[in-house]
Each structure stands twice: as C-alpha cells, then as structure tokens.
C-alpha atoms as a PDB file:
ATOM      1  CA  MET A   1     -17.904  16.181   1.808  1.00  0.00           C
ATOM      2  CA  LEU A   2     -17.708  12.403   1.256  1.00  0.00           C
ATOM      3  CA  GLU A   3     -21.340  11.775   2.124  1.00  0.00           C
ATOM      4  CA  HIS A   4     -22.269  10.121  -1.167  1.00  0.00           C
ATOM      5  CA  GLU A   5     -19.208   7.849  -1.146  1.00  0.00           C
ATOM      6  CA  GLU A   6     -19.803   6.841   2.473  1.00  0.00           C
ATOM      7  CA  ALA A   7     -23.469   6.200   1.703  1.00  0.00           C
ATOM      8  CA  ILE A   8     -22.458   3.740  -1.026  1.00  0.00           C
ATOM      9  CA  VAL A   9     -20.122   1.862   1.319  1.00  0.00           C
ATOM     10  CA  THR A  10     -22.705   1.795   4.130  1.00  0.00           C
ATOM     11  CA  ASP A  11     -25.533   0.642   1.868  1.00  0.00           C
ATOM     12  CA  VAL A  12     -23.495  -2.050   0.118  1.00  0.00           C
ATOM     13  CA  THR A  13     -21.962  -3.475   3.296  1.00  0.00           C
ATOM     14  CA  GLN A  14     -25.390  -3.611   4.945  1.00  0.00           C
ATOM     15  CA  LYS A  15     -26.910  -5.368   1.910  1.00  0.00           C
ATOM     16  CA  PHE A  16     -23.866  -7.672   1.518  1.00  0.00           C
ATOM     17  CA  PRO A  17     -22.314  -8.254   4.966  1.00  0.00           C
ATOM     18  CA  GLU A  18     -19.473 -10.280   3.449  1.00  0.00           C
ATOM     19  CA  VAL A  19     -18.327  -7.245   1.411  1.00  0.00           C
ATOM     20  CA  THR A  20     -15.832  -4.793   2.852  1.00  0.00           C
ATOM     21  CA  GLY A  21     -15.582  -1.225   1.664  1.00  0.00           C
ATOM     22  CA  THR A  22     -13.631   1.966   2.089  1.00  0.00           C
ATOM     23  CA  VAL A  23     -13.750   5.463   0.754  1.00  0.00           C
ATOM     24  CA  GLN A  24     -10.348   6.111  -0.769  1.00  0.00           C
ATOM     25  CA  ARG A  25     -10.958   9.792  -1.426  1.00  0.00           C
ATOM     26  CA  GLU A  26     -13.535  12.028  -3.025  1.00  0.00           C
ATOM     27  CA  ARG A  27     -15.352  10.144  -5.806  1.00  0.00           C
ATOM     28  CA  ARG A  28     -13.400   6.902  -5.171  1.00  0.00           C
ATOM     29  CA  VAL A  29     -14.833   3.856  -3.417  1.00  0.00           C
ATOM     30  CA  TRP A  30     -13.193   0.449  -2.974  1.00  0.00           C
ATOM     31  CA  LEU A  31     -15.222  -2.694  -2.355  1.00  0.00           C
ATOM     32  CA  GLU A  32     -14.007  -6.261  -1.906  1.00  0.00           C
ATOM     33  CA  SER A  33     -16.272  -9.266  -2.269  1.00  0.00           C
ATOM     34  CA  PRO A  34     -15.871 -13.017  -2.063  1.00  0.00           C
ATOM     35  CA  ARG A  35     -16.306 -14.862  -5.356  1.00  0.00           C
ATOM     36  CA  ALA A  36     -19.658 -16.368  -4.350  1.00  0.00           C
ATOM     37  CA  GLY A  37     -21.550 -13.051  -4.289  1.00  0.00           C
ATOM     38  CA  PHE A  38     -19.483 -10.952  -6.650  1.00  0.00           C
ATOM     39  CA  LEU A  39     -21.871 -10.877  -9.616  1.00  0.00           C
ATOM     40  CA  ASP A  40     -24.745 -10.029  -7.257  1.00  0.00           C
ATOM     41  CA  LEU A  41     -22.660  -7.104  -5.998  1.00  0.00           C
ATOM     42  CA  LEU A  42     -22.035  -5.834  -9.541  1.00  0.00           C
ATOM     43  CA  THR A  43     -25.723  -6.178 -10.404  1.00  0.00           C
ATOM     44  CA  TYR A  44     -26.668  -4.244  -7.271  1.00  0.00           C
ATOM     45  CA  LEU A  45     -24.138  -1.484  -7.955  1.00  0.00           C
ATOM     46  CA  ARG A  46     -25.533  -1.051 -11.452  1.00  0.00           C
ATOM     47  CA  ALA A  47     -29.194  -1.085 -10.424  1.00  0.00           C
ATOM     48  CA  GLU A  48     -29.071   0.777  -7.113  1.00  0.00           C
ATOM     49  CA  HIS A  49     -26.045   3.055  -7.358  1.00  0.00           C
ATOM     50  CA  GLY A  50     -26.025   3.972 -11.038  1.00  0.00           C
ATOM     51  CA  CYS A  51     -22.712   2.243 -11.840  1.00  0.00           C
ATOM     52  CA  ILE A  52     -23.688   1.992 -15.484  1.00  0.00           C
ATOM     53  CA  SER A  53     -20.249   1.963 -17.115  1.00  0.00           C
ATOM     54  CA  LEU A  54     -17.485  -0.578 -16.799  1.00  0.00           C
ATOM     55  CA  LEU A  55     -14.272   1.377 -17.272  1.00  0.00           C
ATOM     56  CA  THR A  56     -11.806  -1.481 -17.084  1.00  0.00           C
ATOM     57  CA  VAL A  57     -11.024  -4.855 -15.586  1.00  0.00           C
ATOM     58  CA  THR A  58      -7.541  -5.262 -14.158  1.00  0.00           C
ATOM     59  CA  GLY A  59      -6.078  -8.668 -13.430  1.00  0.00           C
ATOM     60  CA  LEU A  60      -3.395  -8.961 -10.754  1.00  0.00           C
ATOM     61  CA  ASP A  61      -1.055 -11.683  -9.593  1.00  0.00           C
ATOM     62  CA  ALA A  62      -0.863 -10.933  -5.874  1.00  0.00           C
ATOM     63  CA  GLY A  63       1.278 -13.954  -5.049  1.00  0.00           C
ATOM     64  CA  GLU A  64      -1.014 -16.183  -3.026  1.00  0.00           C
ATOM     65  CA  THR A  65      -4.103 -14.914  -4.844  1.00  0.00           C
ATOM     66  CA  PHE A  66      -5.198 -13.659  -8.199  1.00  0.00           C
ATOM     67  CA  GLN A  67      -7.460 -10.634  -8.243  1.00  0.00           C
ATOM     68  CA  LEU A  68      -9.817  -9.025 -10.713  1.00  0.00           C
ATOM     69  CA  LEU A  69     -10.619  -5.355 -10.169  1.00  0.00           C
ATOM     70  CA  TYR A  70     -13.692  -3.992 -11.913  1.00  0.00           C
ATOM     71  CA  SER A  71     -13.643  -0.186 -12.145  1.00  0.00           C
ATOM     72  CA  LEU A  72     -17.182   1.136 -12.510  1.00  0.00           C
ATOM     73  CA  ALA A  73     -18.295   4.676 -13.233  1.00  0.00           C
ATOM     74  CA  GLY A  74     -21.457   5.955 -11.634  1.00  0.00           C
ATOM     75  CA  GLU A  75     -23.815   8.505 -13.083  1.00  0.00           C
ATOM     76  CA  ASN A  76     -22.870  10.761 -10.179  1.00  0.00           C
ATOM     77  CA  GLY A  77     -19.140  10.811 -10.982  1.00  0.00           C
ATOM     78  CA  VAL A  78     -18.141   8.271  -8.324  1.00  0.00           C
ATOM     79  CA  VAL A  79     -15.780   5.519  -9.464  1.00  0.00           C
ATOM     80  CA  VAL A  80     -16.274   2.246  -7.625  1.00  0.00           C
ATOM     81  CA  CYS A  81     -13.505  -0.335  -7.758  1.00  0.00           C
ATOM     82  CA  ALA A  82     -14.926  -3.764  -6.940  1.00  0.00           C
ATOM     83  CA  ARG A  83     -12.312  -6.422  -6.215  1.00  0.00           C
ATOM     84  CA  VAL A  84     -12.694 -10.191  -6.189  1.00  0.00           C
ATOM     85  CA  SER A  85      -9.914 -12.643  -5.323  1.00  0.00           C
ATOM     86  CA  ALA A  86      -9.248 -16.333  -5.831  1.00  0.00           C
ATOM     87  CA  PRO A  87      -6.508 -18.511  -4.396  1.00  0.00           C
ATOM     88  CA  ALA A  88      -3.535 -19.025  -6.714  1.00  0.00           C
ATOM     89  CA  ASP A  89      -4.239 -22.767  -6.806  1.00  0.00           C
ATOM     90  CA  ASP A  90      -7.897 -22.181  -7.838  1.00  0.00           C
ATOM     91  CA  PRO A  91      -7.978 -19.058 -10.053  1.00  0.00           C
ATOM     92  CA  VAL A  92     -11.583 -19.449 -11.196  1.00  0.00           C
ATOM     93  CA  PHE A  93     -14.014 -16.583 -11.738  1.00  0.00           C
ATOM     94  CA  ASP A  94     -17.348 -15.971 -13.494  1.00  0.00           C
ATOM     95  CA  THR A  95     -17.669 -13.425 -16.269  1.00  0.00           C
ATOM     96  CA  ALA A  96     -19.390 -10.124 -15.622  1.00  0.00           C
ATOM     97  CA  SER A  97     -20.322  -9.813 -19.304  1.00  0.00           C
ATOM     98  CA  ASP A  98     -24.014 -10.449 -18.611  1.00  0.00           C
ATOM     99  CA  ILE A  99     -23.996  -7.273 -16.505  1.00  0.00           C
ATOM    100  CA  TYR A 100     -21.421  -5.254 -18.472  1.00  0.00           C
ATOM    101  CA  LYS A 101     -21.137  -6.380 -22.099  1.00  0.00           C
ATOM    102  CA  ASN A 102     -17.708  -4.784 -22.508  1.00  0.00           C
ATOM    103  CA  ALA A 103     -16.215  -7.033 -19.803  1.00  0.00           C
ATOM    104  CA  ILE A 104     -15.361  -9.731 -22.348  1.00  0.00           C
ATOM    105  CA  LEU A 105     -12.151  -8.223 -23.768  1.00  0.00           C
ATOM    106  CA  PRO A 106     -10.460  -7.350 -20.476  1.00  0.00           C
ATOM    107  CA  GLU A 107     -11.547 -10.701 -19.044  1.00  0.00           C
ATOM    108  CA  LEU A 108      -9.979 -12.421 -22.075  1.00  0.00           C
ATOM    109  CA  GLU A 109      -6.789 -10.476 -21.359  1.00  0.00           C
ATOM    110  CA  ALA A 110      -6.834 -11.659 -17.737  1.00  0.00           C
ATOM    111  CA  ARG A 111      -7.404 -15.247 -18.819  1.00  0.00           C
ATOM    112  CA  ASN A 112      -4.721 -15.311 -21.478  1.00  0.00           C
ATOM    113  CA  LEU A 113      -2.091 -13.187 -19.738  1.00  0.00           C
ATOM    114  CA  LEU A 114      -2.553 -14.544 -16.190  1.00  0.00           C
ATOM    115  CA  GLY A 115      -3.926 -18.039 -16.794  1.00  0.00           C
ATOM    116  CA  LEU A 116      -7.219 -17.471 -14.987  1.00  0.00           C
ATOM    117  CA  THR A 117     -10.326 -19.514 -15.673  1.00  0.00           C
ATOM    118  CA  ILE A 118     -13.252 -17.214 -16.363  1.00  0.00           C
ATOM    119  CA  HIS A 119     -16.489 -19.078 -16.961  1.00  0.00           C
ATOM    120  CA  GLY A 120     -18.771 -17.609 -19.603  1.00  0.00           C
ATOM    121  CA  ILE A 121     -16.268 -16.018 -21.996  1.00  0.00           C
ATOM    122  CA  PRO A 122     -15.401 -17.472 -25.412  1.00  0.00           C
ATOM    123  CA  GLU A 123     -12.901 -20.333 -25.195  1.00  0.00           C
ATOM    124  CA  ASP A 124     -11.445 -20.008 -28.692  1.00  0.00           C
ATOM    125  CA  ILE A 125     -10.060 -16.457 -28.526  1.00  0.00           C
ATOM    126  CA  ARG A 126      -6.403 -15.846 -27.643  1.00  0.00           C
ATOM    127  CA  TYR A 127      -6.658 -12.050 -27.217  1.00  0.00           C
ATOM    128  CA  PRO A 128      -4.247 -10.232 -26.905  1.00  0.00           C
ATOM    129  CA  LEU A 129      -1.634 -12.946 -27.475  1.00  0.00           C
ATOM    130  CA  PRO A 130      -0.735 -14.204 -30.945  1.00  0.00           C
ATOM    131  CA  ASP A 131      -2.452 -17.386 -32.114  1.00  0.00           C
ATOM    132  CA  ASN A 132       0.831 -19.303 -31.957  1.00  0.00           C
ATOM    133  CA  TRP A 133       1.599 -18.317 -28.341  1.00  0.00           C
ATOM    134  CA  PRO A 134       2.642 -21.426 -26.378  1.00  0.00           C
ATOM    135  CA  GLU A 135      -0.027 -23.061 -24.230  1.00  0.00           C
ATOM    136  CA  GLY A 136       0.503 -22.667 -20.496  1.00  0.00           C
ATOM    137  CA  GLN A 137       2.650 -19.525 -20.833  1.00  0.00           C
ATOM    138  CA  TYR A 138       1.146 -16.592 -18.904  1.00  0.00           C
ATOM    139  CA  PRO A 139       3.395 -13.524 -19.223  1.00  0.00           C
ATOM    140  CA  LEU A 140       1.815 -11.445 -16.441  1.00  0.00           C
ATOM    141  CA  ARG A 141       2.323 -14.056 -13.740  1.00  0.00           C
ATOM    142  CA  LYS A 142       5.060 -13.150 -11.306  1.00  0.00           C
ATOM    143  CA  SER A 143       6.566 -16.618 -11.750  1.00  0.00           C
ATOM    144  CA  TRP A 144       6.728 -16.444 -15.559  1.00  0.00           C
ATOM    145  CA  VAL A 145      10.067 -16.364 -17.365  1.00  0.00           C
ATOM    146  CA  LEU A 146      10.545 -16.143 -21.097  1.00  0.00           C
ATOM    147  CA  PRO A 147      11.124 -19.667 -22.424  1.00  0.00           C
ATOM    148  CA  GLY A 148      14.670 -20.020 -23.723  1.00  0.00           C
ATOM    149  CA  SER A 149      15.962 -17.046 -21.725  1.00  0.00           C
ATOM    150  CA  GLU A 150      19.050 -17.247 -19.514  1.00  0.00           C
ATOM    151  CA  GLU A 151      16.790 -16.904 -16.479  1.00  0.00           C
ATOM    152  CA  ALA A 152      14.726 -19.930 -17.566  1.00  0.00           C
ATOM    153  CA  ALA A 153      17.853 -22.034 -18.163  1.00  0.00           C
ATOM    154  CA  ALA A 154      19.630 -21.091 -14.898  1.00  0.00           C
ATOM    155  CA  PRO A 155      19.202 -23.360 -11.861  1.00  0.00           C
ATOM    156  CA  ALA A 156      17.376 -22.004  -8.863  1.00  0.00           C
ATOM    157  CA  LYS A 157      19.580 -19.779  -6.693  1.00  0.00           C
ATOM    158  CA  GLY A 158      19.204 -22.050  -3.664  1.00  0.00           C
ATOM    159  CA  ALA A 159      20.172 -25.147  -5.697  1.00  0.00           C
ATOM    160  CA  ALA A 160      23.281 -23.468  -7.121  1.00  0.00           C
ATOM    161  CA  ALA A 161      24.350 -22.247  -3.679  1.00  0.00           C
ATOM    162  CA  GLY A 162      23.950 -25.719  -2.183  1.00  0.00           C
ATOM    163  CA  LYS A 163      26.209 -27.308  -4.812  1.00  0.00           C
ATOM    164  CA  GLU A 164      28.929 -24.695  -4.308  1.00  0.00           C
ATOM    165  CA  GLU A 165      29.029 -25.478  -0.614  1.00  0.00           C
ATOM    166  CA  GLY A 166      29.359 -29.188  -1.250  1.00  0.00           C
ATOM    167  CA  ASN A 167      25.784 -29.908  -0.149  1.00  0.00           C
ATOM    168  CA  GLY A 168      24.543 -31.140  -3.507  1.00  0.00           C
END
C-alpha cells in the first residue's frame, strides 16, 4: 500500500546516506538533510521523483535549532516534506529559488520573521513586515517579546525571585 512512498525513502537514503527519511502515512514522506547537501536533495527530488511543485516553506524556531521545511508535491500525488536545520547560533541557509522559483517569498518570510540568513534572496525586501519594522526584531522567535510591553519591561523571573529572598 505504501510501496511508492517507501521507494522514495529507500532511493533517497541510498543516494544521500546522510539523509534520513520516514513514511508518515499514505502519500506523505518526511526527509531530513544536513545543510551541506540540502539543495542537491531538492534537485534530485525534482528530477528523479517528480517533485515539481513547491507548496510552501515553513520556518520554525525549535529552540536549539532553526528549521526550514520545504513541502513538495509530486506528480504522483505524494507530498514530500524535506527538512533542513541550522544551529540557533548559526541560522544560515541557501535559497532554493534556483530549483523552485516560488521559494523566494516564503524564504523572505522566514528571514524577516525568524531572523535567518538565507543566501541568494533579495536583501532589500522586508516582506511581510512593514518597512518601518525595527531592525533585529523577529516576531516568530520563541524568545521575542513586543518592545515596550509589560513582559519586555519586567525583570527575569529568576532575578526577581533572588531579590525577594535577599540574594540580590
């Protein structure tokens, strides 16, 4: 029943031993690749497995890493989600727009909302944030707080607790 999905995972992981893959369910495949070979993986999926459409790019703050998930639709109805991660202290990726032209807008969103560096996309576009949005403010980061909010002005919980106990 899942023969086609399993064939994709088997083929890709044999071609790219550093890639891991699972079949989530019928017509859903998950692949994870290191940054170094990620664009090669996308190129291979397009050429060899008919993943001709980029559905979306989702950026995630996973705490210690940032992730980009590229959801690709195959001609055969299989959706492949290809994930690439970078450490939080080095959130640098390369654009997939040479492979999928429509990657630019969601990659701009990931850059501007999460503070990722994505080489190869236009530097002068602030999509989807307004042009006057403050530099260095990334509203989809887990650590982000609205400047001027009570949460931003309050001391850290540990610091406040220490002072109450006479330790500060």
